[in-house]
């Protein structure tokens, strides 16, 4: 049995996922670089170097998820850490050449494309649930398993109900509501796992400058990854059931 911790990070070929995978490897983990496009995953793993293992994983494809779980089972027999990071925020913003503020005006509850909303939710909500279901048997084989679901502060109902919240105008039925739904799905996971040794936490990386927001974010990749990495590296005595942003600041549900 390999004594190194075995981790899977979805959407790890770029952005926060890549940085998290890089830092986990630096902390002695063997990390599967989950990537919808295998070639991009291979390039990311090569850049991270030894300890990073490219893995084709499309969270919207059940066959891809099953194959990924089987590979991890065959090679290691367990999974110690699952970071559900893969997410999309839109399907048309770049194509239309719009800024976040401009895009917000065509994704209101009254005019949002239902097809786009469904596609966002397929990745951000159902994809996370599908990966969880497939990887749970492997996590149960670990003596110290942890799940980190990467959410967002814009998914907080309590925060967005406050008129003073600066990003309130950007709350949408697409990305924002998908993160609210992810929080609810995660709560169901928390309830299911609370009597086990599997810890699960929600983390917001903040408004990070990534492809997710057309690189309009205010924080660097390194800054946005800090809380995800901190929570991912918590030991067996670390908390479960938290929803935080850097540095260990609780976000209201």
C-alpha atoms as a PDB file:
ATOM      1  CA  UNK A   1       0.000   0.000   0.000  1.00  0.00           C
ATOM      2  CA  UNK A   2       1.366   3.380  -1.030  1.00  0.00           C
ATOM      3  CA  UNK A   3       1.829   5.607   2.023  1.00  0.00           C
ATOM      4  CA  UNK A   4       1.520   8.851   0.041  1.00  0.00           C
ATOM      5  CA  UNK A   5      -1.877  10.496   0.004  1.00  0.00           C
ATOM      6  CA  UNK A   6      -3.750   9.924  -3.232  1.00  0.00           C
ATOM      7  CA  UNK A   7      -5.742  12.877  -4.532  1.00  0.00           C
ATOM      8  CA  UNK A   8      -8.004  13.670  -7.455  1.00  0.00           C
ATOM      9  CA  UNK A   9      -8.594  17.254  -8.569  1.00  0.00           C
ATOM     10  CA  UNK A  10     -11.218  17.729 -11.268  1.00  0.00           C
ATOM     11  CA  UNK A  11     -10.723  20.512 -13.812  1.00  0.00           C
ATOM     12  CA  UNK A  12      -7.028  20.548 -12.921  1.00  0.00           C
ATOM     13  CA  UNK A  13      -5.515  21.428 -16.274  1.00  0.00           C
ATOM     14  CA  UNK A  14      -5.914  25.184 -15.691  1.00  0.00           C
ATOM     15  CA  UNK A  15      -6.815  27.896 -13.202  1.00  0.00           C
ATOM     16  CA  UNK A  16      -7.436  27.166  -9.541  1.00  0.00           C
ATOM     17  CA  UNK A  17      -7.521  23.414 -10.158  1.00  0.00           C
ATOM     18  CA  UNK A  18      -4.047  23.463 -11.660  1.00  0.00           C
ATOM     19  CA  UNK A  19      -2.628  25.541  -8.808  1.00  0.00           C
ATOM     20  CA  UNK A  20      -4.246  23.327  -6.175  1.00  0.00           C
ATOM     21  CA  UNK A  21      -2.865  20.200  -7.846  1.00  0.00           C
ATOM     22  CA  UNK A  22       0.577  21.788  -8.050  1.00  0.00           C
ATOM     23  CA  UNK A  23       0.584  22.656  -4.351  1.00  0.00           C
ATOM     24  CA  UNK A  24      -0.726  19.245  -3.323  1.00  0.00           C
ATOM     25  CA  UNK A  25       2.101  17.581  -5.235  1.00  0.00           C
ATOM     26  CA  UNK A  26       4.534  19.924  -3.486  1.00  0.00           C
ATOM     27  CA  UNK A  27       3.068  18.672  -0.203  1.00  0.00           C
ATOM     28  CA  UNK A  28       3.784  15.051  -1.043  1.00  0.00           C
ATOM     29  CA  UNK A  29       0.535  13.934  -2.658  1.00  0.00           C
ATOM     30  CA  UNK A  30       0.129  11.768  -5.731  1.00  0.00           C
ATOM     31  CA  UNK A  31      -2.402  13.841  -7.665  1.00  0.00           C
ATOM     32  CA  UNK A  32      -4.613  12.746 -10.529  1.00  0.00           C
ATOM     33  CA  UNK A  33      -4.996  15.716 -12.871  1.00  0.00           C
ATOM     34  CA  UNK A  34      -8.615  15.394 -13.938  1.00  0.00           C
ATOM     35  CA  UNK A  35      -9.088  16.992 -17.337  1.00  0.00           C
ATOM     36  CA  UNK A  36     -11.864  16.719 -19.903  1.00  0.00           C
ATOM     37  CA  UNK A  37      -9.219  16.966 -22.627  1.00  0.00           C
ATOM     38  CA  UNK A  38      -6.491  14.379 -21.962  1.00  0.00           C
ATOM     39  CA  UNK A  39      -3.845  16.260 -23.947  1.00  0.00           C
ATOM     40  CA  UNK A  40      -4.321  19.366 -21.813  1.00  0.00           C
ATOM     41  CA  UNK A  41      -4.165  17.205 -18.723  1.00  0.00           C
ATOM     42  CA  UNK A  42      -0.933  15.648 -19.899  1.00  0.00           C
ATOM     43  CA  UNK A  43       0.570  19.076 -20.547  1.00  0.00           C
ATOM     44  CA  UNK A  44      -0.481  20.260 -17.063  1.00  0.00           C
ATOM     45  CA  UNK A  45       0.931  17.134 -15.414  1.00  0.00           C
ATOM     46  CA  UNK A  46       4.202  17.583 -17.291  1.00  0.00           C
ATOM     47  CA  UNK A  47       4.442  21.178 -16.075  1.00  0.00           C
ATOM     48  CA  UNK A  48       3.790  20.128 -12.482  1.00  0.00           C
ATOM     49  CA  UNK A  49       6.260  17.241 -12.886  1.00  0.00           C
ATOM     50  CA  UNK A  50       6.620  14.059 -10.839  1.00  0.00           C
ATOM     51  CA  UNK A  51       3.649  13.278  -8.648  1.00  0.00           C
ATOM     52  CA  UNK A  52       1.056  14.569 -11.133  1.00  0.00           C
ATOM     53  CA  UNK A  53      -0.858  11.908 -13.072  1.00  0.00           C
ATOM     54  CA  UNK A  54      -2.968  12.942 -16.080  1.00  0.00           C
ATOM     55  CA  UNK A  55      -6.476  11.474 -16.048  1.00  0.00           C
ATOM     56  CA  UNK A  56      -9.168  11.909 -18.668  1.00  0.00           C
ATOM     57  CA  UNK A  57     -12.261  12.939 -16.748  1.00  0.00           C
ATOM     58  CA  UNK A  58     -15.330  14.683 -18.096  1.00  0.00           C
ATOM     59  CA  UNK A  59     -17.673  15.267 -15.149  1.00  0.00           C
ATOM     60  CA  UNK A  60     -20.674  15.341 -17.501  1.00  0.00           C
ATOM     61  CA  UNK A  61     -19.853  11.904 -18.942  1.00  0.00           C
ATOM     62  CA  UNK A  62     -20.786   8.917 -16.764  1.00  0.00           C
ATOM     63  CA  UNK A  63     -18.565   6.541 -18.746  1.00  0.00           C
ATOM     64  CA  UNK A  64     -15.581   8.875 -18.317  1.00  0.00           C
ATOM     65  CA  UNK A  65     -16.201   9.104 -14.571  1.00  0.00           C
ATOM     66  CA  UNK A  66     -16.527   5.340 -14.222  1.00  0.00           C
ATOM     67  CA  UNK A  67     -13.313   4.762 -16.158  1.00  0.00           C
ATOM     68  CA  UNK A  68     -11.475   7.288 -13.992  1.00  0.00           C
ATOM     69  CA  UNK A  69     -12.693   5.609 -10.789  1.00  0.00           C
ATOM     70  CA  UNK A  70     -11.643   2.204 -12.089  1.00  0.00           C
ATOM     71  CA  UNK A  71      -8.161   3.453 -12.943  1.00  0.00           C
ATOM     72  CA  UNK A  72      -7.686   4.904  -9.454  1.00  0.00           C
ATOM     73  CA  UNK A  73      -8.985   1.664  -7.925  1.00  0.00           C
ATOM     74  CA  UNK A  74      -6.656  -0.443 -10.070  1.00  0.00           C
ATOM     75  CA  UNK A  75      -3.554   1.655  -9.424  1.00  0.00           C
ATOM     76  CA  UNK A  76      -4.004   2.569  -5.756  1.00  0.00           C
ATOM     77  CA  UNK A  77      -7.111   0.870  -4.364  1.00  0.00           C
ATOM     78  CA  UNK A  78      -8.227   3.998  -2.534  1.00  0.00           C
ATOM     79  CA  UNK A  79      -8.648   7.763  -2.715  1.00  0.00           C
ATOM     80  CA  UNK A  80      -7.647  10.014   0.197  1.00  0.00           C
ATOM     81  CA  UNK A  81      -8.672  13.396  -1.165  1.00  0.00           C
ATOM     82  CA  UNK A  82     -11.254  14.490  -3.717  1.00  0.00           C
ATOM     83  CA  UNK A  83     -11.304  18.118  -4.826  1.00  0.00           C
ATOM     84  CA  UNK A  84     -14.415  18.809  -6.909  1.00  0.00           C
ATOM     85  CA  UNK A  85     -13.161  21.882  -8.748  1.00  0.00           C
ATOM     86  CA  UNK A  86     -14.398  21.527 -12.339  1.00  0.00           C
ATOM     87  CA  UNK A  87     -16.944  24.227 -13.184  1.00  0.00           C
ATOM     88  CA  UNK A  88     -18.151  26.499 -15.955  1.00  0.00           C
ATOM     89  CA  UNK A  89     -19.769  29.918 -15.622  1.00  0.00           C
ATOM     90  CA  UNK A  90     -21.238  30.379 -19.074  1.00  0.00           C
ATOM     91  CA  UNK A  91     -21.241  29.048 -22.626  1.00  0.00           C
ATOM     92  CA  UNK A  92     -21.485  32.262 -24.675  1.00  0.00           C
ATOM     93  CA  UNK A  93     -19.716  35.207 -23.053  1.00  0.00           C
ATOM     94  CA  UNK A  94     -16.432  34.847 -24.925  1.00  0.00           C
ATOM     95  CA  UNK A  95     -18.204  34.067 -28.176  1.00  0.00           C
ATOM     96  CA  UNK A  96     -20.275  37.240 -27.858  1.00  0.00           C
ATOM     97  CA  UNK A  97     -17.297  39.299 -26.720  1.00  0.00           C
ATOM     98  CA  UNK A  98     -19.096  40.629 -23.641  1.00  0.00           C
ATOM     99  CA  UNK A  99     -17.783  41.739 -20.252  1.00  0.00           C
ATOM    100  CA  UNK A 100     -19.168  40.211 -17.048  1.00  0.00           C
ATOM    101  CA  UNK A 101     -21.351  43.249 -16.473  1.00  0.00           C
ATOM    102  CA  UNK A 102     -22.705  43.130 -20.037  1.00  0.00           C
ATOM    103  CA  UNK A 103     -23.253  39.388 -19.851  1.00  0.00           C
ATOM    104  CA  UNK A 104     -25.189  39.765 -16.608  1.00  0.00           C
ATOM    105  CA  UNK A 105     -27.837  41.710 -18.510  1.00  0.00           C
ATOM    106  CA  UNK A 106     -28.625  38.800 -20.836  1.00  0.00           C
ATOM    107  CA  UNK A 107     -28.615  36.154 -18.103  1.00  0.00           C
ATOM    108  CA  UNK A 108     -31.330  37.568 -15.865  1.00  0.00           C
ATOM    109  CA  UNK A 109     -34.074  35.239 -14.641  1.00  0.00           C
ATOM    110  CA  UNK A 110     -36.362  36.764 -17.272  1.00  0.00           C
ATOM    111  CA  UNK A 111     -34.106  36.304 -20.303  1.00  0.00           C
ATOM    112  CA  UNK A 112     -31.515  33.609 -19.499  1.00  0.00           C
ATOM    113  CA  UNK A 113     -31.069  30.828 -22.024  1.00  0.00           C
ATOM    114  CA  UNK A 114     -32.538  27.677 -20.501  1.00  0.00           C
ATOM    115  CA  UNK A 115     -30.147  25.584 -22.575  1.00  0.00           C
ATOM    116  CA  UNK A 116     -27.187  27.474 -21.125  1.00  0.00           C
ATOM    117  CA  UNK A 117     -28.530  27.204 -17.577  1.00  0.00           C
ATOM    118  CA  UNK A 118     -28.928  23.449 -17.992  1.00  0.00           C
ATOM    119  CA  UNK A 119     -25.395  23.096 -19.336  1.00  0.00           C
ATOM    120  CA  UNK A 120     -23.920  25.069 -16.428  1.00  0.00           C
ATOM    121  CA  UNK A 121     -25.857  23.020 -13.884  1.00  0.00           C
ATOM    122  CA  UNK A 122     -24.862  19.775 -15.621  1.00  0.00           C
ATOM    123  CA  UNK A 123     -21.209  20.522 -14.829  1.00  0.00           C
ATOM    124  CA  UNK A 124     -21.417  22.462 -11.571  1.00  0.00           C
ATOM    125  CA  UNK A 125     -24.116  20.461  -9.800  1.00  0.00           C
ATOM    126  CA  UNK A 126     -24.845  17.106 -11.386  1.00  0.00           C
ATOM    127  CA  UNK A 127     -21.205  16.607 -12.366  1.00  0.00           C
ATOM    128  CA  UNK A 128     -20.086  17.022  -8.756  1.00  0.00           C
ATOM    129  CA  UNK A 129     -22.756  14.603  -7.552  1.00  0.00           C
ATOM    130  CA  UNK A 130     -21.828  12.028 -10.195  1.00  0.00           C
ATOM    131  CA  UNK A 131     -18.121  12.199  -9.297  1.00  0.00           C
ATOM    132  CA  UNK A 132     -18.968  11.939  -5.591  1.00  0.00           C
ATOM    133  CA  UNK A 133     -21.056   8.812  -6.146  1.00  0.00           C
ATOM    134  CA  UNK A 134     -18.342   7.165  -8.236  1.00  0.00           C
ATOM    135  CA  UNK A 135     -15.447   8.033  -5.915  1.00  0.00           C
ATOM    136  CA  UNK A 136     -17.146   7.403  -2.560  1.00  0.00           C
ATOM    137  CA  UNK A 137     -16.302   3.657  -2.496  1.00  0.00           C
ATOM    138  CA  UNK A 138     -12.621   4.585  -2.994  1.00  0.00           C
ATOM    139  CA  UNK A 139     -12.784   7.267  -0.295  1.00  0.00           C
ATOM    140  CA  UNK A 140     -14.235   4.689   2.088  1.00  0.00           C
ATOM    141  CA  UNK A 141     -11.013   2.674   1.646  1.00  0.00           C
ATOM    142  CA  UNK A 142      -8.967   5.549   3.096  1.00  0.00           C
ATOM    143  CA  UNK A 143      -8.202   5.861   6.792  1.00  0.00           C
ATOM    144  CA  UNK A 144      -8.321   9.674   6.513  1.00  0.00           C
ATOM    145  CA  UNK A 145     -10.461  10.800   3.605  1.00  0.00           C
ATOM    146  CA  UNK A 146     -11.477  14.336   2.755  1.00  0.00           C
ATOM    147  CA  UNK A 147     -13.693  15.944   0.119  1.00  0.00           C
ATOM    148  CA  UNK A 148     -13.381  19.608  -0.818  1.00  0.00           C
ATOM    149  CA  UNK A 149     -16.123  21.034  -3.002  1.00  0.00           C
ATOM    150  CA  UNK A 150     -15.087  24.307  -4.624  1.00  0.00           C
ATOM    151  CA  UNK A 151     -18.090  26.611  -4.439  1.00  0.00           C
ATOM    152  CA  UNK A 152     -18.282  30.411  -4.466  1.00  0.00           C
ATOM    153  CA  UNK A 153     -19.328  33.207  -2.168  1.00  0.00           C
ATOM    154  CA  UNK A 154     -21.915  34.168  -4.793  1.00  0.00           C
ATOM    155  CA  UNK A 155     -23.705  30.917  -3.983  1.00  0.00           C
ATOM    156  CA  UNK A 156     -24.591  32.107  -0.482  1.00  0.00           C
ATOM    157  CA  UNK A 157     -28.307  32.867  -0.187  1.00  0.00           C
ATOM    158  CA  UNK A 158     -27.799  34.808   3.038  1.00  0.00           C
ATOM    159  CA  UNK A 159     -25.107  36.999   1.504  1.00  0.00           C
ATOM    160  CA  UNK A 160     -27.020  37.713  -1.691  1.00  0.00           C
ATOM    161  CA  UNK A 161     -30.189  38.538   0.244  1.00  0.00           C
ATOM    162  CA  UNK A 162     -28.291  41.506   1.688  1.00  0.00           C
ATOM    163  CA  UNK A 163     -28.745  44.593  -0.567  1.00  0.00           C
ATOM    164  CA  UNK A 164     -25.305  45.815   0.557  1.00  0.00           C
ATOM    165  CA  UNK A 165     -23.492  42.807  -0.960  1.00  0.00           C
ATOM    166  CA  UNK A 166     -21.402  44.292  -3.825  1.00  0.00           C
ATOM    167  CA  UNK A 167     -21.906  41.331  -6.190  1.00  0.00           C
ATOM    168  CA  UNK A 168     -25.651  40.996  -5.569  1.00  0.00           C
ATOM    169  CA  UNK A 169     -26.511  42.369  -9.001  1.00  0.00           C
ATOM    170  CA  UNK A 170     -24.606  39.485 -10.569  1.00  0.00           C
ATOM    171  CA  UNK A 171     -26.706  36.761  -8.902  1.00  0.00           C
ATOM    172  CA  UNK A 172     -27.993  34.698 -11.795  1.00  0.00           C
ATOM    173  CA  UNK A 173     -29.986  31.538 -12.439  1.00  0.00           C
ATOM    174  CA  UNK A 174     -26.913  30.143 -14.184  1.00  0.00           C
ATOM    175  CA  UNK A 175     -23.546  30.184 -12.402  1.00  0.00           C
ATOM    176  CA  UNK A 176     -24.588  31.773  -9.096  1.00  0.00           C
ATOM    177  CA  UNK A 177     -27.648  29.599  -8.578  1.00  0.00           C
ATOM    178  CA  UNK A 178     -25.654  26.524  -9.614  1.00  0.00           C
ATOM    179  CA  UNK A 179     -23.282  27.220  -6.729  1.00  0.00           C
ATOM    180  CA  UNK A 180     -26.255  27.630  -4.386  1.00  0.00           C
ATOM    181  CA  UNK A 181     -27.468  24.239  -5.587  1.00  0.00           C
ATOM    182  CA  UNK A 182     -23.970  22.811  -5.137  1.00  0.00           C
ATOM    183  CA  UNK A 183     -24.032  24.036  -1.538  1.00  0.00           C
ATOM    184  CA  UNK A 184     -27.346  22.223  -1.005  1.00  0.00           C
ATOM    185  CA  UNK A 185     -26.007  19.025  -2.591  1.00  0.00           C
ATOM    186  CA  UNK A 186     -22.912  19.306  -0.414  1.00  0.00           C
ATOM    187  CA  UNK A 187     -25.073  19.667   2.679  1.00  0.00           C
ATOM    188  CA  UNK A 188     -26.760  16.383   1.743  1.00  0.00           C
ATOM    189  CA  UNK A 189     -23.302  14.805   1.456  1.00  0.00           C
ATOM    190  CA  UNK A 190     -22.331  16.274   4.840  1.00  0.00           C
ATOM    191  CA  UNK A 191     -25.408  14.754   6.472  1.00  0.00           C
ATOM    192  CA  UNK A 192     -24.709  11.388   4.864  1.00  0.00           C
ATOM    193  CA  UNK A 193     -21.059  11.348   5.941  1.00  0.00           C
ATOM    194  CA  UNK A 194     -21.262  12.875   9.421  1.00  0.00           C
ATOM    195  CA  UNK A 195     -21.081   9.474  11.131  1.00  0.00           C
ATOM    196  CA  UNK A 196     -18.071   8.369   9.044  1.00  0.00           C
ATOM    197  CA  UNK A 197     -14.379   9.287   8.985  1.00  0.00           C
ATOM    198  CA  UNK A 198     -14.799  11.144   5.689  1.00  0.00           C
ATOM    199  CA  UNK A 199     -14.585  14.930   6.133  1.00  0.00           C
ATOM    200  CA  UNK A 200     -16.250  17.250   3.629  1.00  0.00           C
ATOM    201  CA  UNK A 201     -15.971  21.026   3.320  1.00  0.00           C
ATOM    202  CA  UNK A 202     -17.086  23.812   1.006  1.00  0.00           C
ATOM    203  CA  UNK A 203     -14.589  26.469  -0.067  1.00  0.00           C
ATOM    204  CA  UNK A 204     -14.815  29.699  -2.046  1.00  0.00           C
ATOM    205  CA  UNK A 205     -11.645  30.753  -3.884  1.00  0.00           C
ATOM    206  CA  UNK A 206     -12.925  34.302  -4.135  1.00  0.00           C
ATOM    207  CA  UNK A 207     -13.071  36.466  -7.249  1.00  0.00           C
ATOM    208  CA  UNK A 208     -10.028  34.920  -8.859  1.00  0.00           C
ATOM    209  CA  UNK A 209      -8.673  35.934 -12.247  1.00  0.00           C
ATOM    210  CA  UNK A 210      -9.414  32.827 -14.351  1.00  0.00           C
ATOM    211  CA  UNK A 211     -11.009  31.791 -17.614  1.00  0.00           C
ATOM    212  CA  UNK A 212     -14.202  31.253 -15.605  1.00  0.00           C
ATOM    213  CA  UNK A 213     -14.802  35.016 -15.467  1.00  0.00           C
ATOM    214  CA  UNK A 214     -12.980  36.111 -18.589  1.00  0.00           C
ATOM    215  CA  UNK A 215      -9.929  36.921 -16.403  1.00  0.00           C
ATOM    216  CA  UNK A 216     -11.796  39.872 -14.868  1.00  0.00           C
ATOM    217  CA  UNK A 217     -11.218  38.598 -11.329  1.00  0.00           C
ATOM    218  CA  UNK A 218      -9.257  40.609  -8.792  1.00  0.00           C
ATOM    219  CA  UNK A 219      -7.176  37.890  -7.108  1.00  0.00           C
ATOM    220  CA  UNK A 220      -4.311  35.894  -8.572  1.00  0.00           C
ATOM    221  CA  UNK A 221      -4.491  32.134  -9.058  1.00  0.00           C
ATOM    222  CA  UNK A 222      -2.156  31.698  -6.105  1.00  0.00           C
ATOM    223  CA  UNK A 223      -4.338  33.882  -3.866  1.00  0.00           C
ATOM    224  CA  UNK A 224      -7.530  32.201  -4.982  1.00  0.00           C
ATOM    225  CA  UNK A 225      -6.144  28.732  -4.335  1.00  0.00           C
ATOM    226  CA  UNK A 226      -4.956  29.354  -0.771  1.00  0.00           C
ATOM    227  CA  UNK A 227      -8.124  28.368   1.089  1.00  0.00           C
ATOM    228  CA  UNK A 228      -8.752  25.327  -1.113  1.00  0.00           C
ATOM    229  CA  UNK A 229      -5.230  24.094  -0.390  1.00  0.00           C
ATOM    230  CA  UNK A 230      -5.473  24.904   3.322  1.00  0.00           C
ATOM    231  CA  UNK A 231      -8.676  22.910   3.716  1.00  0.00           C
ATOM    232  CA  UNK A 232      -7.440  20.074   1.492  1.00  0.00           C
ATOM    233  CA  UNK A 233      -4.385  19.653   3.718  1.00  0.00           C
ATOM    234  CA  UNK A 234      -6.282  19.579   7.021  1.00  0.00           C
ATOM    235  CA  UNK A 235      -5.553  16.441   8.996  1.00  0.00           C
ATOM    236  CA  UNK A 236      -7.857  13.871  10.537  1.00  0.00           C
ATOM    237  CA  UNK A 237      -8.530  16.209  13.468  1.00  0.00           C
ATOM    238  CA  UNK A 238      -9.590  19.026  11.139  1.00  0.00           C
ATOM    239  CA  UNK A 239     -13.201  20.218  10.929  1.00  0.00           C
ATOM    240  CA  UNK A 240     -15.918  18.980   8.605  1.00  0.00           C
ATOM    241  CA  UNK A 241     -19.058  20.713   7.386  1.00  0.00           C
ATOM    242  CA  UNK A 242     -17.551  24.188   6.958  1.00  0.00           C
ATOM    243  CA  UNK A 243     -18.107  26.797   4.228  1.00  0.00           C
ATOM    244  CA  UNK A 244     -15.146  29.166   4.171  1.00  0.00           C
ATOM    245  CA  UNK A 245     -13.016  31.602   2.230  1.00  0.00           C
ATOM    246  CA  UNK A 246      -9.459  32.804   2.905  1.00  0.00           C
ATOM    247  CA  UNK A 247      -8.349  32.807   5.646  1.00  0.00           C
ATOM    248  CA  UNK A 248     -10.690  30.404   7.440  1.00  0.00           C
ATOM    249  CA  UNK A 249     -13.493  32.982   7.248  1.00  0.00           C
ATOM    250  CA  UNK A 250     -16.961  31.456   7.467  1.00  0.00           C
ATOM    251  CA  UNK A 251     -19.418  32.225   4.679  1.00  0.00           C
ATOM    252  CA  UNK A 252     -23.113  32.216   5.669  1.00  0.00           C
ATOM    253  CA  UNK A 253     -25.213  29.591   3.917  1.00  0.00           C
END
